[in-house]
Amino acid sequence: MTAKNLTKTAAPESPADEVKTVHVSSVPGLGMETITLSHHLNIEGTNHRPGDKIRVPADYARHLRQQGYVART
């Protein structure tokens, strides 16, 4: 029996506390909010997994809350 070296194949993951800023078109001057995602979301070609914390414009955060993408904390 041979054992695989999984450390070479595993992709490094970003720290859970890292907050990514997402740039989407919105009304200027409303400010930014940090949200935690409850579902997988693809924003402008970037995949975000459940539990990821991202900074988005306040208007976009409101839309995501209404659609159920923001985790309740």
Protein backbone atom coordinates (compact mmCIF):
# COMPACT_ATOMS: atom_id res chain seq x y z
CA MET A 1 0.00 0.00 0.00
CA THR A 2 1.28 3.45 -0.82
CA ALA A 3 0.34 6.70 0.86
CA LYS A 4 -0.20 9.89 -1.07
CA ASN A 5 1.47 13.09 0.02
CA LEU A 6 -1.58 15.32 0.38
CA THR A 7 0.37 18.41 1.38
CA LYS A 8 1.52 18.94 -2.20
CA THR A 9 -1.95 18.67 -3.74
CA ALA A 10 -3.90 20.70 -1.20
CA ALA A 11 -4.43 24.31 -2.19
CA PRO A 12 -3.69 26.88 0.50
CA GLU A 13 -6.84 28.47 1.88
CA SER A 14 -7.25 32.08 2.87
CA PRO A 15 -7.60 32.87 6.56
CA ALA A 16 -11.19 32.94 7.83
CA ASP A 17 -10.77 36.48 9.18
CA GLU A 18 -9.69 37.94 5.83
CA VAL A 19 -12.22 40.41 4.39
CA LYS A 20 -12.22 40.88 0.62
CA THR A 21 -13.51 44.11 -0.90
CA VAL A 22 -15.85 43.51 -3.81
CA HIS A 23 -16.26 46.22 -6.44
CA VAL A 24 -19.74 46.35 -7.96
CA SER A 25 -21.55 49.22 -9.58
CA SER A 26 -23.75 51.08 -7.10
CA VAL A 27 -24.81 54.53 -6.00
CA PRO A 28 -21.71 56.47 -4.86
CA GLY A 29 -21.58 57.87 -1.36
CA LEU A 30 -23.56 55.17 0.46
CA GLY A 31 -20.57 53.61 2.17
CA MET A 32 -19.36 50.04 2.46
CA GLU A 33 -20.51 47.18 4.69
CA THR A 34 -18.83 43.95 5.72
CA ILE A 35 -21.11 40.92 5.37
CA THR A 36 -20.71 37.17 5.93
CA LEU A 37 -22.11 35.01 3.15
CA SER A 38 -24.50 32.15 3.90
CA HIS A 39 -24.43 30.73 0.34
CA HIS A 40 -22.00 30.39 -2.55
CA LEU A 41 -21.96 33.60 -4.61
CA ASN A 42 -20.21 34.55 -7.84
CA ILE A 43 -19.62 38.31 -8.15
CA GLU A 44 -18.12 39.53 -11.42
CA GLY A 45 -16.29 36.24 -12.04
CA THR A 46 -14.98 35.77 -8.48
CA ASN A 47 -16.35 32.86 -6.47
CA HIS A 48 -17.10 33.45 -2.80
CA ARG A 49 -17.89 30.52 -0.50
CA PRO A 50 -20.31 30.35 2.43
CA GLY A 51 -18.67 31.90 5.49
CA ASP A 52 -16.51 34.31 3.49
CA LYS A 53 -16.51 37.88 4.74
CA ILE A 54 -16.66 40.50 2.00
CA ARG A 55 -16.99 44.30 1.88
CA VAL A 56 -19.66 45.51 -0.51
CA PRO A 57 -21.52 48.79 -1.07
CA ALA A 58 -24.39 49.29 1.40
CA ASP A 59 -27.04 49.14 -1.34
CA TYR A 60 -25.68 45.83 -2.68
CA ALA A 61 -25.55 44.44 0.89
CA ARG A 62 -29.24 45.29 1.31
CA HIS A 63 -30.09 43.38 -1.88
CA LEU A 64 -28.04 40.37 -0.75
CA ARG A 65 -29.88 40.37 2.62
CA GLN A 66 -33.25 40.40 0.88
CA GLN A 67 -32.22 37.46 -1.32
CA GLY A 68 -30.94 35.40 1.64
CA TYR A 69 -27.21 35.49 0.85
CA VAL A 70 -26.14 37.12 4.13
CA ALA A 71 -25.65 34.93 7.20
CA ARG A 72 -27.63 35.93 10.27
CA THR A 73 -25.28 36.68 13.13
